[in-house]
């Protein structure tokens, strides 16, 4: 039996440039969890929000992706739209404006 891929990785925070050791199940990602939840709920559409490179796979499975204004450039380039920054409560404001209507 071969060696298993370890369920962790070293990442660099896009804001402070500090290094983080993240530990999770080998197949555990935001993208897989969001897709599974959407499938179980029977949602017709998924909108994802993000700010850092760990959100790249999540944006890949979403129908629409919103990067906050202070997101890392790589994520903003993938987003279908950019919303207000984290410091301006961008996600909460988007939800108030777009969901409440």
C-alpha atoms as a PDB file:
ATOM      1  CA  UNK A   1       0.000   0.000   0.000  1.00  0.00           C
ATOM      2  CA  UNK A   2       1.409   3.408  -1.012  1.00  0.00           C
ATOM      3  CA  UNK A   3       1.906   6.375   1.238  1.00  0.00           C
ATOM      4  CA  UNK A   4      -1.169   8.579   1.619  1.00  0.00           C
ATOM      5  CA  UNK A   5      -1.058  12.265   0.796  1.00  0.00           C
ATOM      6  CA  UNK A   6      -0.907  14.126   4.101  1.00  0.00           C
ATOM      7  CA  UNK A   7      -4.063  16.141   4.839  1.00  0.00           C
ATOM      8  CA  UNK A   8      -2.343  19.480   5.414  1.00  0.00           C
ATOM      9  CA  UNK A   9      -0.600  22.248   3.568  1.00  0.00           C
ATOM     10  CA  UNK A  10       1.413  25.363   4.287  1.00  0.00           C
ATOM     11  CA  UNK A  11      -0.134  28.584   3.069  1.00  0.00           C
ATOM     12  CA  UNK A  12       0.746  32.238   3.183  1.00  0.00           C
ATOM     13  CA  UNK A  13      -1.833  34.771   4.338  1.00  0.00           C
ATOM     14  CA  UNK A  14      -2.508  37.294   1.579  1.00  0.00           C
ATOM     15  CA  UNK A  15      -2.855  40.190   4.010  1.00  0.00           C
ATOM     16  CA  UNK A  16      -0.158  39.735   6.648  1.00  0.00           C
ATOM     17  CA  UNK A  17       2.165  37.400   4.684  1.00  0.00           C
ATOM     18  CA  UNK A  18       2.315  35.128   7.735  1.00  0.00           C
ATOM     19  CA  UNK A  19       2.650  31.377   7.161  1.00  0.00           C
ATOM     20  CA  UNK A  20      -0.178  29.078   8.253  1.00  0.00           C
ATOM     21  CA  UNK A  21      -0.295  25.327   8.568  1.00  0.00           C
ATOM     22  CA  UNK A  22      -3.786  24.187   7.647  1.00  0.00           C
ATOM     23  CA  UNK A  23      -4.881  20.673   8.576  1.00  0.00           C
ATOM     24  CA  UNK A  24      -7.939  19.083   7.046  1.00  0.00           C
ATOM     25  CA  UNK A  25      -9.152  15.854   5.479  1.00  0.00           C
ATOM     26  CA  UNK A  26      -7.219  15.084   2.298  1.00  0.00           C
ATOM     27  CA  UNK A  27     -10.318  15.591   0.143  1.00  0.00           C
ATOM     28  CA  UNK A  28     -11.791  18.389   2.214  1.00  0.00           C
ATOM     29  CA  UNK A  29     -12.222  21.676   0.370  1.00  0.00           C
ATOM     30  CA  UNK A  30     -14.670  24.549   0.474  1.00  0.00           C
ATOM     31  CA  UNK A  31     -15.569  23.721  -3.126  1.00  0.00           C
ATOM     32  CA  UNK A  32     -16.524  20.111  -2.375  1.00  0.00           C
ATOM     33  CA  UNK A  33     -18.452  21.079   0.747  1.00  0.00           C
ATOM     34  CA  UNK A  34     -20.353  23.868  -1.021  1.00  0.00           C
ATOM     35  CA  UNK A  35     -21.192  21.666  -4.010  1.00  0.00           C
ATOM     36  CA  UNK A  36     -22.397  18.856  -1.727  1.00  0.00           C
ATOM     37  CA  UNK A  37     -24.534  21.242   0.316  1.00  0.00           C
ATOM     38  CA  UNK A  38     -26.022  22.800  -2.826  1.00  0.00           C
ATOM     39  CA  UNK A  39     -26.816  19.348  -4.201  1.00  0.00           C
ATOM     40  CA  UNK A  40     -28.411  18.185  -0.942  1.00  0.00           C
ATOM     41  CA  UNK A  41     -30.510  21.355  -0.685  1.00  0.00           C
ATOM     42  CA  UNK A  42     -31.446  21.233  -4.339  1.00  0.00           C
ATOM     43  CA  UNK A  43     -30.409  24.811  -4.960  1.00  0.00           C
ATOM     44  CA  UNK A  44     -30.529  25.996  -8.526  1.00  0.00           C
ATOM     45  CA  UNK A  45     -27.678  28.422  -8.209  1.00  0.00           C
ATOM     46  CA  UNK A  46     -24.593  28.990  -6.039  1.00  0.00           C
ATOM     47  CA  UNK A  47     -22.987  32.338  -5.248  1.00  0.00           C
ATOM     48  CA  UNK A  48     -19.585  32.216  -3.530  1.00  0.00           C
ATOM     49  CA  UNK A  49     -17.754  34.954  -1.636  1.00  0.00           C
ATOM     50  CA  UNK A  50     -14.035  35.047  -1.018  1.00  0.00           C
ATOM     51  CA  UNK A  51     -10.907  37.001  -0.264  1.00  0.00           C
ATOM     52  CA  UNK A  52      -7.900  34.686  -0.473  1.00  0.00           C
ATOM     53  CA  UNK A  53      -6.329  31.960  -2.614  1.00  0.00           C
ATOM     54  CA  UNK A  54      -8.029  29.210  -0.611  1.00  0.00           C
ATOM     55  CA  UNK A  55     -11.258  30.390  -2.255  1.00  0.00           C
ATOM     56  CA  UNK A  56     -10.056  29.711  -5.829  1.00  0.00           C
ATOM     57  CA  UNK A  57     -11.553  26.178  -6.009  1.00  0.00           C
ATOM     58  CA  UNK A  58     -14.806  27.468  -4.494  1.00  0.00           C
ATOM     59  CA  UNK A  59     -15.091  30.085  -7.231  1.00  0.00           C
ATOM     60  CA  UNK A  60     -14.610  27.290  -9.750  1.00  0.00           C
ATOM     61  CA  UNK A  61     -17.794  25.464  -8.711  1.00  0.00           C
ATOM     62  CA  UNK A  62     -19.984  28.524  -8.152  1.00  0.00           C
ATOM     63  CA  UNK A  63     -22.360  30.000 -10.704  1.00  0.00           C
ATOM     64  CA  UNK A  64     -21.371  33.474  -9.573  1.00  0.00           C
ATOM     65  CA  UNK A  65     -18.343  34.532  -7.536  1.00  0.00           C
ATOM     66  CA  UNK A  66     -17.908  37.728  -5.547  1.00  0.00           C
ATOM     67  CA  UNK A  67     -14.462  38.814  -4.408  1.00  0.00           C
ATOM     68  CA  UNK A  68     -14.245  41.515  -1.782  1.00  0.00           C
ATOM     69  CA  UNK A  69     -12.355  44.627  -2.885  1.00  0.00           C
ATOM     70  CA  UNK A  70      -9.393  43.774  -0.654  1.00  0.00           C
ATOM     71  CA  UNK A  71      -9.118  40.196  -1.952  1.00  0.00           C
ATOM     72  CA  UNK A  72      -5.817  38.965  -3.335  1.00  0.00           C
ATOM     73  CA  UNK A  73      -5.388  39.876  -7.023  1.00  0.00           C
ATOM     74  CA  UNK A  74      -5.491  36.227  -8.162  1.00  0.00           C
ATOM     75  CA  UNK A  75      -8.979  35.795  -6.738  1.00  0.00           C
ATOM     76  CA  UNK A  76     -10.287  39.152  -7.968  1.00  0.00           C
ATOM     77  CA  UNK A  77      -9.218  38.123 -11.485  1.00  0.00           C
ATOM     78  CA  UNK A  78     -11.431  35.010 -11.262  1.00  0.00           C
ATOM     79  CA  UNK A  79     -14.462  36.730  -9.752  1.00  0.00           C
ATOM     80  CA  UNK A  80     -17.574  37.523 -11.725  1.00  0.00           C
ATOM     81  CA  UNK A  81     -17.850  40.696  -9.650  1.00  0.00           C
ATOM     82  CA  UNK A  82     -16.002  42.641  -6.977  1.00  0.00           C
ATOM     83  CA  UNK A  83     -17.918  43.907  -3.960  1.00  0.00           C
ATOM     84  CA  UNK A  84     -16.986  46.184  -1.058  1.00  0.00           C
ATOM     85  CA  UNK A  85     -14.028  45.206   1.117  1.00  0.00           C
ATOM     86  CA  UNK A  86     -14.073  43.127   4.301  1.00  0.00           C
ATOM     87  CA  UNK A  87     -13.504  46.339   6.255  1.00  0.00           C
ATOM     88  CA  UNK A  88     -16.685  47.765   4.702  1.00  0.00           C
ATOM     89  CA  UNK A  89     -18.748  44.636   5.505  1.00  0.00           C
ATOM     90  CA  UNK A  90     -18.886  43.853   1.793  1.00  0.00           C
ATOM     91  CA  UNK A  91     -20.557  40.447   2.019  1.00  0.00           C
ATOM     92  CA  UNK A  92     -23.167  41.581   4.560  1.00  0.00           C
ATOM     93  CA  UNK A  93     -23.964  44.677   2.488  1.00  0.00           C
ATOM     94  CA  UNK A  94     -24.243  42.608  -0.704  1.00  0.00           C
ATOM     95  CA  UNK A  95     -26.652  40.245   1.036  1.00  0.00           C
ATOM     96  CA  UNK A  96     -28.757  43.151   2.339  1.00  0.00           C
ATOM     97  CA  UNK A  97     -28.920  44.783  -1.087  1.00  0.00           C
ATOM     98  CA  UNK A  98     -29.347  41.720  -3.284  1.00  0.00           C
ATOM     99  CA  UNK A  99     -31.157  39.150  -1.179  1.00  0.00           C
ATOM    100  CA  UNK A 100     -33.561  41.389   0.659  1.00  0.00           C
ATOM    101  CA  UNK A 101     -34.086  43.367  -2.551  1.00  0.00           C
END
